[in-house]
Amino acid sequence: MAKGMGRRPKVDLDSGVEDVTLSILEWLGEQGVDAMIRVDAERMRDGQPAWTFAASGGPLDGGMRVDGASVAECMGRALLRLREAGLAVPL
């Protein structure tokens, strides 16, 4: 898929990524990347994507933020973006 087409890649919500989220965060820290995942109760009440992954530093050029309606969606999107940025996160 060409970049800039306005399409989002599909995220596999059944991959089990939520089960390894802490391991991913730990691996990112070992690479010099500051990273976190959080949930926003107000956005959850409003029916908006409540989960946020944010990362910066290390080999990343600038920071990144990814939102999702669930941990799986958020982390799936985050892994796609991290890989696009050149970080091959092992799973």
C-alpha atoms as a PDB file:
ATOM      1  CA  MET A   1       0.000   0.000   0.000  1.00  0.00           C
ATOM      2  CA  ALA A   2       1.366   3.384  -0.934  1.00  0.00           C
ATOM      3  CA  LYS A   3       1.948   5.910   1.808  1.00  0.00           C
ATOM      4  CA  GLY A   4      -0.324   8.911   1.909  1.00  0.00           C
ATOM      5  CA  MET A   5      -3.324   7.072   0.463  1.00  0.00           C
ATOM      6  CA  GLY A   6      -5.375   7.781   3.588  1.00  0.00           C
ATOM      7  CA  ARG A   7      -5.897   4.093   4.308  1.00  0.00           C
ATOM      8  CA  ARG A   8      -5.028   2.481   7.606  1.00  0.00           C
ATOM      9  CA  PRO A   9      -3.467  -0.966   7.663  1.00  0.00           C
ATOM     10  CA  LYS A  10      -5.560  -3.686   9.263  1.00  0.00           C
ATOM     11  CA  VAL A  11      -4.728  -4.542  12.863  1.00  0.00           C
ATOM     12  CA  ASP A  12      -5.053  -8.155  13.983  1.00  0.00           C
ATOM     13  CA  LEU A  13      -7.168  -7.838  17.136  1.00  0.00           C
ATOM     14  CA  ASP A  14      -6.777 -11.553  17.873  1.00  0.00           C
ATOM     15  CA  SER A  15      -2.971 -11.567  17.896  1.00  0.00           C
ATOM     16  CA  GLY A  16      -2.678 -11.604  21.703  1.00  0.00           C
ATOM     17  CA  VAL A  17      -0.527  -8.466  21.676  1.00  0.00           C
ATOM     18  CA  GLU A  18      -2.175  -7.270  24.892  1.00  0.00           C
ATOM     19  CA  ASP A  19      -0.610 -10.280  26.639  1.00  0.00           C
ATOM     20  CA  VAL A  20       2.916  -9.134  25.759  1.00  0.00           C
ATOM     21  CA  THR A  21       2.471  -5.373  26.135  1.00  0.00           C
ATOM     22  CA  LEU A  22       4.665  -5.127  29.239  1.00  0.00           C
ATOM     23  CA  SER A  23       7.404  -7.137  27.526  1.00  0.00           C
ATOM     24  CA  ILE A  24       7.213  -4.792  24.530  1.00  0.00           C
ATOM     25  CA  LEU A  25       7.511  -1.744  26.800  1.00  0.00           C
ATOM     26  CA  GLU A  26      10.499  -3.302  28.557  1.00  0.00           C
ATOM     27  CA  TRP A  27      12.199  -4.100  25.229  1.00  0.00           C
ATOM     28  CA  LEU A  28      11.611  -0.533  24.020  1.00  0.00           C
ATOM     29  CA  GLY A  29      13.197   0.797  27.214  1.00  0.00           C
ATOM     30  CA  GLU A  30      16.251  -1.388  26.584  1.00  0.00           C
ATOM     31  CA  GLN A  31      16.523   0.252  23.137  1.00  0.00           C
ATOM     32  CA  GLY A  32      16.530   3.721  24.724  1.00  0.00           C
ATOM     33  CA  VAL A  33      12.899   4.452  23.836  1.00  0.00           C
ATOM     34  CA  ASP A  34      10.674   6.099  26.443  1.00  0.00           C
ATOM     35  CA  ALA A  35       7.249   4.474  26.089  1.00  0.00           C
ATOM     36  CA  MET A  36       3.935   4.207  27.901  1.00  0.00           C
ATOM     37  CA  ILE A  37       0.388   2.993  27.509  1.00  0.00           C
ATOM     38  CA  ARG A  38      -2.530   4.605  29.304  1.00  0.00           C
ATOM     39  CA  VAL A  39      -6.291   4.561  29.488  1.00  0.00           C
ATOM     40  CA  ASP A  40      -8.415   7.717  29.658  1.00  0.00           C
ATOM     41  CA  ALA A  41     -11.629   7.146  31.621  1.00  0.00           C
ATOM     42  CA  GLU A  42     -13.279  10.303  30.276  1.00  0.00           C
ATOM     43  CA  ARG A  43     -12.731   9.271  26.658  1.00  0.00           C
ATOM     44  CA  MET A  44     -14.009   5.796  27.548  1.00  0.00           C
ATOM     45  CA  ARG A  45     -17.236   7.287  28.996  1.00  0.00           C
ATOM     46  CA  ASP A  46     -17.623   9.408  25.848  1.00  0.00           C
ATOM     47  CA  GLY A  47     -17.275   6.350  23.595  1.00  0.00           C
ATOM     48  CA  GLN A  48     -13.974   7.534  22.117  1.00  0.00           C
ATOM     49  CA  PRO A  49     -10.788   5.464  21.735  1.00  0.00           C
ATOM     50  CA  ALA A  50      -9.587   5.431  25.332  1.00  0.00           C
ATOM     51  CA  TRP A  51      -6.210   3.682  25.041  1.00  0.00           C
ATOM     52  CA  THR A  52      -3.071   5.624  24.097  1.00  0.00           C
ATOM     53  CA  PHE A  53       0.458   4.422  23.367  1.00  0.00           C
ATOM     54  CA  ALA A  54       3.175   7.070  23.267  1.00  0.00           C
ATOM     55  CA  ALA A  55       6.895   6.692  22.573  1.00  0.00           C
ATOM     56  CA  SER A  56       9.912   8.918  21.929  1.00  0.00           C
ATOM     57  CA  GLY A  57      13.671   8.922  22.070  1.00  0.00           C
ATOM     58  CA  GLY A  58      16.262   6.350  21.192  1.00  0.00           C
ATOM     59  CA  PRO A  59      16.234   5.459  17.507  1.00  0.00           C
ATOM     60  CA  LEU A  60      12.850   7.145  16.900  1.00  0.00           C
ATOM     61  CA  ASP A  61      12.905  10.389  14.942  1.00  0.00           C
ATOM     62  CA  GLY A  62      10.576  12.477  17.091  1.00  0.00           C
ATOM     63  CA  GLY A  63       7.716  11.106  19.113  1.00  0.00           C
ATOM     64  CA  MET A  64       4.736   9.020  18.198  1.00  0.00           C
ATOM     65  CA  ARG A  65       1.239   8.572  19.587  1.00  0.00           C
ATOM     66  CA  VAL A  66      -1.317   5.919  18.718  1.00  0.00           C
ATOM     67  CA  ASP A  67      -4.895   5.625  20.018  1.00  0.00           C
ATOM     68  CA  GLY A  68      -7.214   2.632  20.046  1.00  0.00           C
ATOM     69  CA  ALA A  69     -10.533   1.455  21.432  1.00  0.00           C
ATOM     70  CA  SER A  70      -8.871  -1.507  23.179  1.00  0.00           C
ATOM     71  CA  VAL A  71      -5.396  -2.485  24.350  1.00  0.00           C
ATOM     72  CA  ALA A  72      -5.150  -4.906  21.428  1.00  0.00           C
ATOM     73  CA  GLU A  73      -6.107  -2.273  18.858  1.00  0.00           C
ATOM     74  CA  CYS A  74      -3.833   0.362  20.374  1.00  0.00           C
ATOM     75  CA  MET A  75      -0.798  -1.905  20.633  1.00  0.00           C
ATOM     76  CA  GLY A  76      -1.432  -3.457  17.218  1.00  0.00           C
ATOM     77  CA  ARG A  77      -1.380   0.011  15.661  1.00  0.00           C
ATOM     78  CA  ALA A  78       1.672   0.934  17.750  1.00  0.00           C
ATOM     79  CA  LEU A  79       3.597  -2.109  16.515  1.00  0.00           C
ATOM     80  CA  LEU A  80       2.794  -1.200  12.910  1.00  0.00           C
ATOM     81  CA  ARG A  81       4.034   2.361  13.446  1.00  0.00           C
ATOM     82  CA  LEU A  82       7.162   1.209  15.302  1.00  0.00           C
ATOM     83  CA  ARG A  83       8.012  -1.166  12.461  1.00  0.00           C
ATOM     84  CA  GLU A  84       7.439   1.618   9.918  1.00  0.00           C
ATOM     85  CA  ALA A  85       9.928   3.679  11.971  1.00  0.00           C
ATOM     86  CA  GLY A  86      12.527   0.899  11.677  1.00  0.00           C
ATOM     87  CA  LEU A  87      12.142  -0.758  15.085  1.00  0.00           C
ATOM     88  CA  ALA A  88      11.619  -4.501  14.604  1.00  0.00           C
ATOM     89  CA  VAL A  89       9.914  -5.262  17.901  1.00  0.00           C
ATOM     90  CA  PRO A  90      10.309  -8.970  18.662  1.00  0.00           C
ATOM     91  CA  LEU A  91       7.189 -10.851  19.713  1.00  0.00           C
END
